Amino acid sequence: MIVVTHDEREVVERCLPPLQAQLEDGDELIVADNRSTDGTADAVRRIAPSAQVIEMPSNDGYMAAANAALARATGDLLLTLDADAIVAPGFCDAIRRPAVDGRGWAAWMGLVTMDGGRLVNTSGGLVHFTGISWAGQAGEPVERAPTEPREVGFATGVCLTITRAAWEKNPGFPPDYFLYFDDVDFSLRTRLSGGRIGVEPAARVDHLYDFAKGGRKWRLLERNRWATIVRTYPGELLALLAPALAVTEIALLGIAFAGGWGSEKLRSWGDVAGALPRLLRERRAIQARRRVPALEFARHMTPDLSSAYLGRAARARPIGAALRLYWSLVLAVLGRLGR
């Protein structure tokens, strides 16, 4: 069990006790603290005396801390849990279930709720073919959430569970991301190497979630979206999507300036351009581990911009029809190329 913290003493005092109560003999709890100044690390030691606490020398972001903690983990099942996530009764037993019942998943998540368990935070991540990704069913009543296990576009980092074998195939979250999109990137890398991604709805965790996004958050999201596209998309898929990606950037630039974060969107382009030599090196290593055709990789994506947070324009019927037509053509060409 891996938890990353930064100035979250009050949060861990609320969230760690329910988790600590469910841990069994042999379970590891490793907390990597990103140089908190509010006593978070001391609070962890008090609440969970058996926890391994790693005090990072500087705050280099979620990914660097998670990688440091995962490097110490010895179990066959690895779980990253957000510090602001409160596990429901039976969570730990349920989240282990996919590992023992023959599903063949490489990574998975539980059902993540919010608002005290009344609403869905995510029932499974969705990845649009442009790389725009979001939490499935966010804000819907929890009664609408699926009750049966199924495969998903990506597994959320709120409670991302990974088999040791899958982690060894795709080791490490990208440290240069700092925050955001690590779960999408890992899920797509896993799928590229032949792994399957799912959700176990019986494992519930309530997320103390706030959707508010400042300009810096948008910059990181957009920068990391493009980094993930460059790193993980097969070449034939990238070629077919080039026109759609270009149109999406023009549209997003207008949306960004209308929303007051246009300068951050432009900075995200600069970030990607500056990082491109490194991203291309990483791409070569990631693509070398590819084990599935581009069509198999792409079929878990969606042409529908169905998130409630994307606004009305994204769900306009003409736009939706055009996106679905474009995507059907892309899939058809990938199918022919794969023969």
Protein backbone atom coordinates (compact mmCIF):
# COMPACT_ATOMS: atom_id res chain seq x y z
CA MET A 1 0.00 0.00 0.00
CA ILE A 2 1.62 3.25 -1.20
CA VAL A 3 0.50 6.70 -0.02
CA VAL A 4 2.10 10.00 -1.06
CA THR A 5 1.61 13.05 1.17
CA HIS A 6 2.41 16.75 1.16
CA ASP A 7 1.18 19.05 3.96
CA GLU A 8 -1.85 16.81 4.61
CA ARG A 9 -1.72 16.20 8.36
CA GLU A 10 -5.44 16.80 8.90
CA VAL A 11 -6.29 14.64 5.89
CA VAL A 12 -4.18 11.65 6.94
CA GLU A 13 -5.57 11.86 10.48
CA ARG A 14 -8.98 11.28 8.94
CA CYS A 15 -8.09 8.85 6.16
CA LEU A 16 -5.39 6.57 7.55
CA PRO A 17 -7.26 5.01 10.53
CA PRO A 18 -9.89 3.18 8.38
CA LEU A 19 -7.09 1.87 6.17
CA GLN A 20 -4.91 0.85 9.10
CA ALA A 21 -7.80 -1.13 10.56
CA GLN A 22 -8.06 -3.29 7.41
CA LEU A 23 -4.39 -4.14 6.92
CA GLU A 24 -3.44 -7.77 7.52
CA ASP A 25 -0.23 -9.33 8.76
CA GLY A 26 2.30 -9.08 5.96
CA ASP A 27 0.68 -6.04 4.33
CA GLU A 28 3.05 -3.14 3.77
CA LEU A 29 2.12 0.49 4.24
CA ILE A 30 4.72 2.81 2.74
CA VAL A 31 4.19 6.57 2.97
CA ALA A 32 6.39 8.90 0.93
CA ASP A 33 6.15 12.44 2.28
CA ASN A 34 7.05 15.30 -0.05
CA ARG A 35 8.78 17.50 2.52
CA SER A 36 5.67 18.50 4.48
CA THR A 37 5.98 21.38 6.94
CA ASP A 38 2.79 20.72 8.92
CA GLY A 39 3.79 17.54 10.77
CA THR A 40 2.27 15.09 8.28
CA ALA A 41 5.10 12.56 8.63
CA ASP A 42 4.84 12.58 12.43
CA ALA A 43 1.06 12.10 12.18
CA VAL A 44 1.59 9.04 9.98
CA ARG A 45 4.03 7.53 12.47
CA ARG A 46 1.55 8.10 15.30
CA ILE A 47 -1.46 6.64 13.47
CA ALA A 48 0.39 3.79 11.75
CA PRO A 49 3.49 2.88 13.79
CA SER A 50 4.33 -0.03 11.49
CA ALA A 51 4.33 2.13 8.36
CA GLN A 52 7.55 2.81 6.51
CA VAL A 53 7.86 6.58 6.16
CA ILE A 54 10.10 7.99 3.45
CA GLU A 55 10.85 11.67 3.92
CA MET A 56 11.70 12.97 0.46
CA PRO A 57 14.51 15.56 0.41
CA SER A 58 12.43 17.92 -1.72
CA ASN A 59 8.96 18.13 -3.22
CA ASP A 60 9.58 16.83 -6.72
CA GLY A 61 5.97 15.83 -7.28
CA TYR A 62 3.71 12.85 -6.82
CA MET A 63 5.43 10.57 -9.33
CA ALA A 64 8.93 10.81 -7.88
CA ALA A 65 7.62 10.06 -4.39
CA ALA A 66 5.43 7.19 -5.57
CA ASN A 67 8.37 5.68 -7.46
CA ALA A 68 10.54 5.90 -4.33
CA ALA A 69 7.87 4.13 -2.28
CA LEU A 70 7.20 1.46 -4.90
CA ALA A 71 10.93 0.73 -5.09
CA ARG A 72 10.72 -0.41 -1.46
CA ALA A 73 7.57 -2.50 -1.85
CA THR A 74 8.09 -6.27 -1.84
CA GLY A 75 4.58 -7.64 -2.37
CA ASP A 76 3.07 -9.27 -5.44
CA LEU A 77 0.27 -6.69 -5.45
CA LEU A 78 0.99 -2.94 -5.44
CA LEU A 79 -1.65 -0.35 -4.54
CA THR A 80 -1.35 3.43 -4.71
CA LEU A 81 -3.93 5.16 -2.53
CA ASP A 82 -4.48 8.92 -2.48
CA ALA A 83 -3.90 10.49 0.92
CA ASP A 84 -7.39 12.04 0.79
CA ALA A 85 -9.17 8.73 0.12
CA ILE A 86 -11.20 7.01 2.83
CA VAL A 87 -11.57 3.26 2.31
CA ALA A 88 -14.99 1.72 2.92
CA PRO A 89 -15.42 -1.43 5.06
CA GLY A 90 -14.19 -4.45 3.15
CA PHE A 91 -12.14 -2.41 0.68
CA CYS A 92 -8.87 -4.28 1.16
CA ASP A 93 -10.50 -7.71 0.76
CA ALA A 94 -12.40 -6.61 -2.35
CA ILE A 95 -9.47 -4.92 -4.05
CA ARG A 96 -7.48 -8.16 -3.78
CA ARG A 97 -10.23 -10.15 -5.50
CA PRO A 98 -9.18 -9.65 -9.16
CA ALA A 99 -5.76 -11.08 -8.32
CA VAL A 100 -7.15 -14.41 -7.19
CA ASP A 101 -10.23 -15.10 -9.30
CA GLY A 102 -8.62 -15.56 -12.69
CA ARG A 103 -9.60 -12.33 -14.45
CA GLY A 104 -6.15 -11.86 -15.95
CA TRP A 105 -6.07 -8.13 -15.29
CA ALA A 106 -2.72 -6.38 -15.09
CA ALA A 107 -4.07 -3.38 -13.16
CA TRP A 108 -7.40 -2.26 -11.75
CA MET A 109 -9.23 0.17 -9.49
CA GLY A 110 -12.14 0.21 -7.09
CA LEU A 111 -15.31 2.27 -7.34
CA VAL A 112 -14.41 5.79 -6.20
CA THR A 113 -17.17 7.87 -4.63
CA MET A 114 -17.34 11.42 -3.30
CA ASP A 115 -19.60 13.59 -1.18
CA GLY A 116 -19.66 11.05 1.61
CA GLY A 117 -20.39 8.13 -0.71
CA ARG A 118 -23.48 9.70 -2.26
CA LEU A 119 -22.00 10.49 -5.66
CA VAL A 120 -19.66 8.78 -8.08
CA ASN A 121 -16.18 10.26 -8.42
CA THR A 122 -15.19 7.68 -11.02
CA SER A 123 -16.50 4.27 -11.99
CA GLY A 124 -13.69 3.88 -14.54
CA GLY A 125 -11.60 6.35 -16.51
CA LEU A 126 -12.40 7.20 -20.13
CA VAL A 127 -9.81 8.16 -22.73
CA HIS A 128 -10.90 10.10 -25.79
CA PHE A 129 -8.86 9.41 -28.91
CA THR A 130 -7.43 12.95 -28.64
CA GLY A 131 -5.98 12.00 -25.24
CA ILE A 132 -8.51 14.06 -23.28
CA SER A 133 -9.35 11.84 -20.31
CA TRP A 134 -11.85 12.04 -17.49
CA ALA A 135 -13.49 10.22 -14.63
CA GLY A 136 -16.44 8.10 -15.74
CA GLN A 137 -19.87 9.03 -14.30
CA ALA A 138 -18.38 11.82 -12.16
CA GLY A 139 -21.12 13.56 -10.19
CA GLU A 140 -23.80 10.96 -10.86
CA PRO A 141 -25.73 9.29 -8.01
CA VAL A 142 -23.82 6.27 -6.76
CA GLU A 143 -26.86 4.07 -7.45
CA ARG A 144 -26.14 4.45 -11.18
CA ALA A 145 -22.66 2.98 -10.90
CA PRO A 146 -22.11 -0.48 -12.42
CA THR A 147 -22.08 -3.30 -9.89
CA GLU A 148 -20.20 -5.89 -11.97
CA PRO A 149 -16.47 -5.94 -12.75
CA ARG A 150 -15.57 -4.72 -16.24
CA GLU A 151 -12.68 -3.33 -18.26
CA VAL A 152 -12.12 0.45 -18.36
CA GLY A 153 -10.17 2.98 -20.40
CA PHE A 154 -7.83 3.73 -17.52
CA ALA A 155 -7.65 2.99 -13.82
CA THR A 156 -7.59 6.00 -11.53
CA GLY A 157 -4.56 6.68 -9.37
CA VAL A 158 -6.87 7.24 -6.40
CA CYS A 159 -6.68 3.47 -5.82
CA LEU A 160 -4.57 2.08 -8.64
CA THR A 161 -3.78 -1.60 -8.07
CA ILE A 162 -1.00 -3.23 -10.08
CA THR A 163 0.34 -6.77 -10.23
CA ARG A 164 4.05 -7.14 -9.65
CA ALA A 165 4.42 -8.66 -13.13
CA ALA A 166 2.73 -5.66 -14.77
CA TRP A 167 4.88 -3.21 -12.82
CA GLU A 168 8.06 -5.02 -13.85
CA LYS A 169 6.96 -4.79 -17.50
CA ASN A 170 6.21 -1.06 -17.21
CA PRO A 171 8.21 0.21 -14.24
CA GLY A 172 7.92 3.73 -12.94
CA PHE A 173 5.55 6.65 -13.23
CA PRO A 174 6.97 9.46 -15.40
CA PRO A 175 8.68 11.74 -12.85
CA ASP A 176 8.72 14.72 -15.20
CA TYR A 177 4.90 14.86 -15.09
CA PHE A 178 5.08 16.11 -11.45
CA LEU A 179 1.28 15.78 -11.04
CA TYR A 180 -1.66 14.47 -13.09
CA PHE A 181 -2.04 11.97 -15.93
CA ASP A 182 0.27 9.37 -14.40
CA ASP A 183 -2.64 6.92 -14.17
CA VAL A 184 -3.61 7.43 -17.83
CA ASP A 185 0.00 7.05 -18.94
CA PHE A 186 0.52 3.88 -16.91
CA SER A 187 -2.77 2.36 -18.07
CA LEU A 188 -1.96 3.01 -21.73
CA ARG A 189 1.58 1.65 -21.37
CA THR A 190 0.16 -1.44 -19.71
CA ARG A 191 -2.38 -1.95 -22.46
CA LEU A 192 0.29 -1.42 -25.12
CA SER A 193 2.29 -4.29 -23.62
CA GLY A 194 -0.75 -6.57 -23.64
CA GLY A 195 -2.20 -5.96 -20.17
CA ARG A 196 -5.88 -5.49 -19.36
CA ILE A 197 -7.30 -2.77 -17.09
CA GLY A 198 -10.46 -3.15 -14.98
CA VAL A 199 -12.64 -1.94 -12.12
CA GLU A 200 -13.83 -3.94 -9.11
CA PRO A 201 -16.96 -2.08 -7.90
CA ALA A 202 -17.13 -4.02 -4.61
CA ALA A 203 -13.98 -2.19 -3.49
CA ARG A 204 -15.18 1.28 -2.54
CA VAL A 205 -13.23 4.32 -1.49
CA ASP A 206 -14.55 7.84 -0.85
CA HIS A 207 -12.44 10.64 -2.30
CA LEU A 208 -12.33 14.08 -0.70
CA TYR A 209 -12.51 15.55 -4.19
CA ASP A 210 -12.42 19.11 -5.52
CA PHE A 211 -12.65 19.65 -9.28
CA ALA A 212 -11.40 23.26 -9.12
CA LYS A 213 -8.59 23.86 -11.60
CA GLY A 214 -6.24 26.82 -11.62
CA GLY A 215 -4.12 27.84 -14.57
CA ARG A 216 -1.11 25.80 -13.46
CA LYS A 217 -3.23 22.66 -13.19
CA TRP A 218 -4.52 23.13 -16.74
CA ARG A 219 -0.94 23.62 -17.92
CA LEU A 220 0.19 20.36 -16.31
CA LEU A 221 -2.85 18.45 -17.60
CA GLU A 222 -2.32 19.64 -21.16
CA ARG A 223 1.45 19.15 -21.04
CA ASN A 224 1.07 15.62 -19.70
CA ARG A 225 -1.73 14.77 -22.12
CA TRP A 226 0.58 15.49 -25.01
CA ALA A 227 3.50 13.73 -23.35
CA THR A 228 1.33 10.62 -23.00
CA ILE A 229 0.23 10.80 -26.64
CA VAL A 230 3.84 11.05 -27.79
CA ARG A 231 5.01 8.26 -25.48
CA THR A 232 2.26 5.70 -25.90
CA TYR A 233 0.27 6.05 -29.15
CA PRO A 234 1.35 3.58 -31.86
CA GLY A 235 2.77 5.28 -34.96
CA GLU A 236 -0.07 4.27 -37.28
CA LEU A 237 -2.64 5.62 -34.83
CA LEU A 238 -0.74 8.90 -34.48
CA ALA A 239 -0.64 9.33 -38.24
CA LEU A 240 -4.38 8.78 -38.61
CA LEU A 241 -5.20 11.11 -35.72
CA ALA A 242 -2.94 13.98 -36.80
CA PRO A 243 -5.77 16.06 -38.36
CA ALA A 244 -8.05 15.57 -35.35
CA LEU A 245 -5.26 16.44 -32.93
CA ALA A 246 -4.50 19.65 -34.82
CA VAL A 247 -8.16 20.72 -34.84
CA THR A 248 -8.43 19.86 -31.14
CA GLU A 249 -5.49 22.13 -30.31
CA ILE A 250 -7.07 25.07 -32.13
CA ALA A 251 -10.36 24.49 -30.33
CA LEU A 252 -8.68 24.09 -26.95
CA LEU A 253 -6.71 27.30 -27.44
CA GLY A 254 -9.95 29.21 -27.90
CA ILE A 255 -11.50 27.50 -24.89
CA ALA A 256 -8.41 28.26 -22.82
CA PHE A 257 -8.40 31.98 -23.59
CA ALA A 258 -12.15 32.15 -22.98
CA GLY A 259 -11.60 30.41 -19.63
CA GLY A 260 -8.73 32.64 -18.55
CA TRP A 261 -5.92 30.10 -18.87
CA GLY A 262 -4.80 30.76 -22.44
CA SER A 263 -1.26 31.70 -21.41
CA GLU A 264 -0.95 28.40 -19.52
CA LYS A 265 -2.09 26.50 -22.61
CA LEU A 266 0.64 28.21 -24.64
CA ARG A 267 3.19 27.40 -21.94
CA SER A 268 2.15 23.74 -22.15
CA TRP A 269 3.11 23.76 -25.84
CA GLY A 270 6.50 25.19 -24.89
CA ASP A 271 6.92 22.50 -22.24
CA VAL A 272 6.24 19.73 -24.75
CA ALA A 273 8.50 21.25 -27.39
CA GLY A 274 11.35 21.54 -24.90
CA ALA A 275 10.87 17.98 -23.68
CA LEU A 276 10.44 16.46 -27.14
CA PRO A 277 13.93 14.90 -27.45
CA ARG A 278 13.46 13.15 -24.10
CA LEU A 279 9.87 12.13 -24.92
CA LEU A 280 11.00 10.58 -28.21
CA ARG A 281 13.68 8.57 -26.40
CA GLU A 282 11.06 7.37 -23.92
CA ARG A 283 8.72 6.60 -26.80
CA ARG A 284 11.27 4.31 -28.43
CA ALA A 285 11.69 2.34 -25.21
CA ILE A 286 7.93 2.11 -24.60
CA GLN A 287 7.06 1.14 -28.18
CA ALA A 288 9.74 -1.57 -28.07
CA ARG A 289 7.60 -3.29 -25.40
CA ARG A 290 4.46 -3.12 -27.54
CA ARG A 291 2.72 -6.48 -27.84
CA VAL A 292 -0.69 -5.59 -29.33
CA PRO A 293 -1.86 -4.23 -32.71
CA ALA A 294 -2.78 -0.56 -32.87
CA LEU A 295 -6.45 -1.53 -33.27
CA GLU A 296 -6.45 -3.46 -29.98
CA PHE A 297 -4.82 -0.49 -28.24
CA ALA A 298 -7.33 1.95 -29.75
CA ARG A 299 -10.53 0.00 -29.18
CA HIS A 300 -10.60 0.96 -25.50
CA MET A 301 -10.79 4.65 -26.40
CA THR A 302 -13.97 6.60 -27.04
CA PRO A 303 -15.08 9.16 -29.64
CA ASP A 304 -17.69 10.60 -27.26
CA LEU A 305 -16.92 13.62 -25.08
CA SER A 306 -19.41 12.56 -22.44
CA SER A 307 -17.99 14.18 -19.31
CA ALA A 308 -20.26 16.65 -17.55
CA TYR A 309 -17.20 18.84 -16.97
CA LEU A 310 -16.46 19.34 -20.69
CA GLY A 311 -19.40 21.68 -21.34
CA ARG A 312 -22.33 21.65 -23.73
CA ALA A 313 -20.31 22.22 -26.89
CA ALA A 314 -18.47 18.94 -26.39
CA ARG A 315 -21.79 17.09 -26.29
CA ALA A 316 -23.42 18.90 -29.22
CA ARG A 317 -24.96 16.41 -31.63
CA PRO A 318 -23.17 17.59 -34.82
CA ILE A 319 -19.80 17.46 -33.06
CA GLY A 320 -20.57 14.05 -31.58
CA ALA A 321 -21.67 12.68 -34.97
CA ALA A 322 -18.51 13.99 -36.65
CA LEU A 323 -16.26 12.51 -33.97
CA ARG A 324 -17.93 9.11 -34.15
CA LEU A 325 -17.67 9.07 -37.96
CA TYR A 326 -14.00 10.04 -37.86
CA TRP A 327 -13.25 7.39 -35.24
CA SER A 328 -15.08 4.67 -37.15
CA LEU A 329 -12.92 5.46 -40.19
CA VAL A 330 -9.75 5.37 -38.08
CA LEU A 331 -10.69 1.97 -36.63
CA ALA A 332 -11.53 0.64 -40.07
CA VAL A 333 -8.14 1.67 -41.45
CA LEU A 334 -6.33 0.22 -38.42
CA GLY A 335 -8.21 -3.03 -38.98
CA ARG A 336 -7.00 -3.18 -42.58
CA LEU A 337 -3.44 -2.33 -41.60
CA GLY A 338 -3.49 -5.11 -39.01
CA ARG A 339 -4.37 -7.84 -41.49
